């Protein structure tokens, strides 16, 4: 895919949370090297909680609450511009995400797409 080598930006308001240099595209997920920006410290623990809940069994309700907070605090921008819908995980120097130009489909239970991962 044509995504490898692209740089995607993560922002908190006008501040840079960091950038992701894409080095793997495994549809629908993109992943790459995460370089923290000045605003990362403000959301570091939020991403740690999000990932821990995503990897835990039977924690989807708590994960959704935490991920809603992630979405309130950060935005993702592709090389082509802002991304309206995304699911982003950051751990150390790695980040992986999926995105859509439209809201993700709900599953049959009315919950948003499961968080998944690499």
N, C-alpha and C. Protein backbone atom coordinates (compact mmCIF):
# COMPACT_ATOMS: atom_id res chain seq x y z
N UNK A 1 0.84 -1.18 0.00
CA UNK A 1 0.00 0.00 0.00
C UNK A 1 0.88 1.23 0.00
N UNK A 2 0.30 2.34 -0.38
CA UNK A 2 1.04 3.57 -0.52
C UNK A 2 1.23 4.35 0.77
N UNK A 3 0.94 3.79 1.92
CA UNK A 3 1.02 4.53 3.18
C UNK A 3 2.42 4.53 3.79
N UNK A 4 3.21 3.51 3.50
CA UNK A 4 4.53 3.39 4.10
C UNK A 4 5.36 4.62 3.73
N UNK A 5 5.97 5.22 4.75
CA UNK A 5 6.78 6.42 4.57
C UNK A 5 6.03 7.71 4.87
N UNK A 6 4.70 7.63 4.97
CA UNK A 6 3.92 8.82 5.31
C UNK A 6 4.11 9.17 6.79
N UNK A 7 3.91 10.44 7.10
CA UNK A 7 3.96 10.91 8.48
C UNK A 7 2.58 11.44 8.84
N UNK A 8 1.98 10.85 9.87
CA UNK A 8 0.68 11.26 10.39
C UNK A 8 0.93 11.99 11.71
N UNK A 9 0.12 13.01 11.98
CA UNK A 9 0.29 13.85 13.16
C UNK A 9 -0.82 13.60 14.18
N UNK A 10 -0.46 13.65 15.45
CA UNK A 10 -1.42 13.57 16.55
C UNK A 10 -1.32 14.90 17.30
N UNK A 11 -2.48 15.54 17.50
CA UNK A 11 -2.50 16.86 18.14
C UNK A 11 -3.43 16.89 19.34
N UNK A 12 -3.13 17.77 20.25
CA UNK A 12 -4.01 18.11 21.37
C UNK A 12 -4.21 19.61 21.26
N UNK A 13 -5.35 20.00 20.68
CA UNK A 13 -5.54 21.41 20.37
C UNK A 13 -4.52 21.83 19.33
N UNK A 14 -3.80 22.89 19.61
CA UNK A 14 -2.77 23.38 18.70
C UNK A 14 -1.39 22.79 18.98
N UNK A 15 -1.29 21.93 19.99
CA UNK A 15 0.00 21.37 20.39
C UNK A 15 0.20 19.98 19.79
N UNK A 16 1.44 19.67 19.49
CA UNK A 16 1.79 18.36 18.93
C UNK A 16 1.92 17.32 20.04
N UNK A 17 1.12 16.25 19.93
CA UNK A 17 1.28 15.09 20.80
C UNK A 17 2.41 14.24 20.25
N UNK A 18 2.52 14.21 18.92
CA UNK A 18 3.59 13.45 18.29
C UNK A 18 3.29 13.17 16.84
N UNK A 19 4.20 12.43 16.24
CA UNK A 19 4.01 12.04 14.85
C UNK A 19 4.29 10.55 14.69
N UNK A 20 3.66 9.98 13.69
CA UNK A 20 3.79 8.55 13.41
C UNK A 20 4.35 8.40 12.00
N UNK A 21 5.53 7.82 11.90
CA UNK A 21 6.13 7.50 10.61
C UNK A 21 5.69 6.09 10.24
N UNK A 22 4.81 5.97 9.26
CA UNK A 22 4.23 4.67 8.90
C UNK A 22 5.29 3.76 8.31
N UNK A 23 5.42 2.56 8.90
CA UNK A 23 6.35 1.57 8.36
C UNK A 23 5.67 0.22 8.07
N UNK A 24 4.36 0.14 8.37
CA UNK A 24 3.63 -1.10 8.08
C UNK A 24 2.17 -0.77 7.82
N UNK A 25 1.65 -1.32 6.74
CA UNK A 25 0.25 -1.14 6.39
C UNK A 25 -0.38 -2.52 6.23
N UNK A 26 -1.18 -2.91 7.22
CA UNK A 26 -1.87 -4.20 7.22
C UNK A 26 -3.35 -3.89 7.35
N UNK A 27 -4.00 -3.60 6.23
CA UNK A 27 -5.38 -3.11 6.20
C UNK A 27 -6.27 -3.88 7.17
N UNK A 28 -7.04 -3.19 8.01
CA UNK A 28 -7.28 -1.75 8.02
C UNK A 28 -6.34 -0.98 8.95
N UNK A 29 -5.31 -1.63 9.48
CA UNK A 29 -4.41 -0.99 10.44
C UNK A 29 -3.17 -0.44 9.76
N UNK A 30 -2.74 0.73 10.22
CA UNK A 30 -1.43 1.28 9.88
C UNK A 30 -0.63 1.34 11.17
N UNK A 31 0.66 1.15 11.09
CA UNK A 31 1.49 1.26 12.28
C UNK A 31 2.83 1.87 11.92
N UNK A 32 3.48 2.41 12.95
CA UNK A 32 4.76 3.02 12.68
C UNK A 32 5.45 3.51 13.93
N UNK A 33 6.60 4.14 13.69
CA UNK A 33 7.41 4.69 14.79
C UNK A 33 6.75 5.97 15.28
N UNK A 34 6.50 6.02 16.59
CA UNK A 34 5.91 7.19 17.22
C UNK A 34 7.01 8.03 17.83
N UNK A 35 7.02 9.31 17.48
CA UNK A 35 7.94 10.27 18.08
C UNK A 35 7.10 11.26 18.87
N UNK A 36 7.30 11.27 20.18
CA UNK A 36 6.49 12.13 21.05
C UNK A 36 6.79 13.60 20.82
N UNK A 37 5.73 14.39 20.91
CA UNK A 37 5.85 15.84 20.84
C UNK A 37 5.67 16.44 22.22
N UNK A 38 5.68 17.77 22.30
CA UNK A 38 5.59 18.45 23.60
C UNK A 38 4.33 18.15 24.39
N UNK A 39 3.22 17.85 23.74
CA UNK A 39 1.96 17.63 24.45
C UNK A 39 1.73 16.16 24.82
N UNK A 40 2.69 15.28 24.52
CA UNK A 40 2.47 13.86 24.82
C UNK A 40 2.36 13.58 26.31
N UNK A 41 3.16 14.26 27.11
CA UNK A 41 3.10 14.01 28.56
C UNK A 41 1.70 14.21 29.12
N UNK A 42 0.93 15.11 28.53
CA UNK A 42 -0.42 15.40 29.02
C UNK A 42 -1.39 14.24 28.76
N UNK A 43 -1.07 13.35 27.81
CA UNK A 43 -1.97 12.24 27.47
C UNK A 43 -1.32 10.86 27.60
N UNK A 44 -0.08 10.82 28.02
CA UNK A 44 0.66 9.55 28.12
C UNK A 44 -0.10 8.52 28.96
N UNK A 45 -0.53 8.89 30.16
CA UNK A 45 -1.23 7.96 31.05
C UNK A 45 -2.59 7.55 30.48
N UNK A 46 -3.24 8.46 29.77
CA UNK A 46 -4.52 8.14 29.13
C UNK A 46 -4.34 7.04 28.09
N UNK A 47 -3.31 7.14 27.27
CA UNK A 47 -3.04 6.09 26.29
C UNK A 47 -2.62 4.78 26.95
N UNK A 48 -1.90 4.86 28.05
CA UNK A 48 -1.52 3.64 28.78
C UNK A 48 -2.76 2.94 29.33
N UNK A 49 -3.69 3.69 29.92
CA UNK A 49 -4.94 3.10 30.43
C UNK A 49 -5.76 2.51 29.29
N UNK A 50 -5.85 3.25 28.19
CA UNK A 50 -6.63 2.77 27.04
C UNK A 50 -6.11 1.44 26.56
N UNK A 51 -4.80 1.31 26.38
CA UNK A 51 -4.23 0.08 25.87
C UNK A 51 -4.39 -1.07 26.86
N UNK A 52 -4.19 -0.81 28.14
CA UNK A 52 -4.36 -1.86 29.15
C UNK A 52 -5.79 -2.39 29.13
N UNK A 53 -6.76 -1.51 29.01
CA UNK A 53 -8.16 -1.95 28.96
C UNK A 53 -8.48 -2.67 27.66
N UNK A 54 -7.88 -2.23 26.55
CA UNK A 54 -8.11 -2.89 25.26
C UNK A 54 -7.60 -4.32 25.28
N UNK A 55 -6.55 -4.57 26.05
CA UNK A 55 -5.95 -5.90 26.11
C UNK A 55 -6.53 -6.78 27.21
N UNK A 56 -7.38 -6.20 28.05
CA UNK A 56 -7.99 -6.96 29.16
C UNK A 56 -9.26 -7.65 28.69
N UNK A 57 -9.59 -8.74 29.35
CA UNK A 57 -10.85 -9.43 29.07
C UNK A 57 -11.99 -8.71 29.78
N UNK A 58 -13.13 -8.62 29.12
CA UNK A 58 -14.35 -8.09 29.73
C UNK A 58 -14.23 -6.68 30.28
N UNK A 59 -13.47 -5.82 29.62
CA UNK A 59 -13.32 -4.43 30.07
C UNK A 59 -13.82 -3.45 29.01
N UNK A 60 -14.68 -3.90 28.09
CA UNK A 60 -15.07 -3.05 26.96
C UNK A 60 -15.80 -1.79 27.41
N UNK A 61 -16.65 -1.87 28.41
CA UNK A 61 -17.37 -0.67 28.86
C UNK A 61 -16.39 0.37 29.40
N UNK A 62 -15.45 -0.09 30.22
CA UNK A 62 -14.43 0.84 30.75
C UNK A 62 -13.54 1.35 29.63
N UNK A 63 -13.18 0.45 28.68
CA UNK A 63 -12.36 0.89 27.54
C UNK A 63 -13.07 1.99 26.76
N UNK A 64 -14.36 1.81 26.49
CA UNK A 64 -15.10 2.82 25.74
C UNK A 64 -15.08 4.17 26.44
N UNK A 65 -15.23 4.19 27.76
CA UNK A 65 -15.17 5.44 28.51
C UNK A 65 -13.81 6.12 28.35
N UNK A 66 -12.75 5.33 28.49
CA UNK A 66 -11.40 5.89 28.36
C UNK A 66 -11.14 6.33 26.92
N UNK A 67 -11.58 5.51 25.96
CA UNK A 67 -11.32 5.90 24.57
C UNK A 67 -12.12 7.15 24.18
N UNK A 68 -13.31 7.32 24.73
CA UNK A 68 -14.05 8.56 24.50
C UNK A 68 -13.23 9.76 24.96
N UNK A 69 -12.52 9.59 26.07
CA UNK A 69 -11.67 10.68 26.56
C UNK A 69 -10.48 10.91 25.62
N UNK A 70 -9.90 9.83 25.09
CA UNK A 70 -8.84 9.98 24.09
C UNK A 70 -9.35 10.83 22.93
N UNK A 71 -10.53 10.49 22.43
CA UNK A 71 -11.10 11.20 21.27
C UNK A 71 -11.41 12.67 21.60
N UNK A 72 -11.76 12.95 22.86
CA UNK A 72 -12.00 14.35 23.25
C UNK A 72 -10.70 15.14 23.29
N UNK A 73 -9.62 14.46 23.64
CA UNK A 73 -8.37 15.18 23.86
C UNK A 73 -7.45 15.27 22.66
N UNK A 74 -7.50 14.30 21.75
CA UNK A 74 -6.55 14.32 20.63
C UNK A 74 -7.25 14.23 19.28
N UNK A 75 -6.54 14.68 18.27
CA UNK A 75 -6.99 14.59 16.87
C UNK A 75 -5.87 13.96 16.07
N UNK A 76 -6.25 13.27 14.99
CA UNK A 76 -5.30 12.62 14.09
C UNK A 76 -5.38 13.30 12.74
N UNK A 77 -4.21 13.59 12.17
CA UNK A 77 -4.16 14.24 10.86
C UNK A 77 -3.29 13.43 9.93
N UNK A 78 -3.85 13.09 8.78
CA UNK A 78 -3.10 12.38 7.74
C UNK A 78 -2.33 13.40 6.91
N UNK A 79 -1.49 12.96 5.99
CA UNK A 79 -0.84 13.91 5.10
C UNK A 79 -1.84 14.71 4.25
N UNK A 80 -3.07 14.19 4.11
CA UNK A 80 -4.10 14.87 3.33
C UNK A 80 -5.01 15.76 4.17
N UNK A 81 -4.87 15.72 5.49
CA UNK A 81 -5.69 16.57 6.34
C UNK A 81 -6.29 15.82 7.51
N UNK A 82 -7.15 16.48 8.29
CA UNK A 82 -7.75 15.88 9.48
C UNK A 82 -8.53 14.60 9.17
N UNK A 83 -8.48 13.67 10.12
CA UNK A 83 -9.18 12.39 10.01
C UNK A 83 -10.38 12.45 10.95
N UNK A 84 -11.61 12.31 10.41
CA UNK A 84 -12.79 12.45 11.26
C UNK A 84 -13.02 11.32 12.25
N UNK A 85 -12.57 10.13 11.95
CA UNK A 85 -12.81 8.97 12.83
C UNK A 85 -11.56 8.13 12.87
N UNK A 86 -11.13 7.73 14.08
CA UNK A 86 -9.92 6.91 14.19
C UNK A 86 -9.93 6.13 15.49
N UNK A 87 -9.13 5.09 15.49
CA UNK A 87 -8.90 4.26 16.66
C UNK A 87 -7.38 4.14 16.78
N UNK A 88 -6.80 4.77 17.79
CA UNK A 88 -5.35 4.93 17.90
C UNK A 88 -4.85 4.33 19.20
N UNK A 89 -3.76 3.57 19.10
CA UNK A 89 -3.06 3.03 20.26
C UNK A 89 -1.61 3.52 20.20
N UNK A 90 -1.08 3.93 21.34
CA UNK A 90 0.33 4.33 21.42
C UNK A 90 0.96 3.59 22.58
N UNK A 91 2.09 2.95 22.29
CA UNK A 91 2.85 2.25 23.34
C UNK A 91 4.33 2.45 23.06
N UNK A 92 4.99 3.18 23.93
CA UNK A 92 6.41 3.45 23.75
C UNK A 92 6.66 4.18 22.44
N UNK A 93 7.55 3.63 21.64
CA UNK A 93 7.88 4.24 20.35
C UNK A 93 7.08 3.66 19.20
N UNK A 94 5.96 3.00 19.50
CA UNK A 94 5.10 2.43 18.45
C UNK A 94 3.69 2.99 18.58
N UNK A 95 3.07 3.18 17.44
CA UNK A 95 1.66 3.56 17.39
C UNK A 95 1.01 2.76 16.27
N UNK A 96 -0.24 2.38 16.47
CA UNK A 96 -0.99 1.72 15.42
C UNK A 96 -2.41 2.22 15.48
N UNK A 97 -3.02 2.30 14.31
CA UNK A 97 -4.34 2.90 14.23
C UNK A 97 -5.06 2.46 12.97
N UNK A 98 -6.36 2.69 13.00
CA UNK A 98 -7.20 2.58 11.81
C UNK A 98 -8.00 3.86 11.76
N UNK A 99 -8.45 4.22 10.61
CA UNK A 99 -9.18 5.46 10.46
C UNK A 99 -10.24 5.32 9.38
N UNK A 100 -11.12 6.30 9.36
CA UNK A 100 -12.19 6.32 8.37
C UNK A 100 -12.54 7.78 8.08
N UNK A 101 -12.99 8.02 6.88
CA UNK A 101 -13.50 9.34 6.52
C UNK A 101 -14.91 9.53 7.04
N UNK A 102 -15.51 8.43 7.55
CA UNK A 102 -16.87 8.46 8.10
C UNK A 102 -16.86 7.69 9.41
N UNK A 103 -17.85 7.90 10.29
CA UNK A 103 -17.88 7.16 11.55
C UNK A 103 -17.83 5.65 11.35
N UNK A 104 -17.14 4.97 12.27
CA UNK A 104 -17.09 3.52 12.23
C UNK A 104 -18.48 2.95 12.40
N UNK A 105 -18.74 1.79 11.78
CA UNK A 105 -20.03 1.12 11.94
C UNK A 105 -20.15 0.55 13.34
N UNK A 106 -21.36 0.62 13.90
CA UNK A 106 -21.64 -0.04 15.17
C UNK A 106 -21.83 -1.51 14.91
N UNK A 107 -21.49 -2.36 15.91
CA UNK A 107 -21.79 -3.78 15.76
C UNK A 107 -23.25 -4.03 16.12
N UNK A 108 -23.68 -5.25 16.05
CA UNK A 108 -25.09 -5.57 16.26
C UNK A 108 -25.58 -5.25 17.66
N UNK A 109 -24.68 -5.12 18.64
CA UNK A 109 -25.08 -4.78 20.00
C UNK A 109 -25.14 -3.28 20.23
N UNK A 110 -24.79 -2.50 19.20
CA UNK A 110 -24.80 -1.05 19.35
C UNK A 110 -23.51 -0.49 19.91
N UNK A 111 -22.50 -1.36 20.11
CA UNK A 111 -21.21 -0.89 20.60
C UNK A 111 -20.34 -0.51 19.40
N UNK A 112 -19.37 0.37 19.64
CA UNK A 112 -18.49 0.72 18.56
C UNK A 112 -17.53 -0.41 18.28
N UNK A 113 -16.80 -0.32 17.19
CA UNK A 113 -15.88 -1.38 16.79
C UNK A 113 -14.93 -1.74 17.94
N UNK A 114 -14.68 -3.00 18.10
CA UNK A 114 -13.77 -3.46 19.15
C UNK A 114 -12.39 -2.87 18.92
N UNK A 115 -11.63 -2.59 19.98
CA UNK A 115 -10.39 -1.89 19.83
C UNK A 115 -9.30 -2.65 19.08
N UNK A 116 -9.21 -3.94 19.23
CA UNK A 116 -8.22 -4.70 18.48
C UNK A 116 -6.81 -4.20 18.67
N UNK A 117 -5.92 -4.61 17.78
CA UNK A 117 -4.53 -4.18 17.85
C UNK A 117 -3.71 -4.96 16.87
N UNK A 118 -2.42 -4.83 17.04
CA UNK A 118 -1.50 -5.52 16.14
C UNK A 118 -1.58 -7.02 16.35
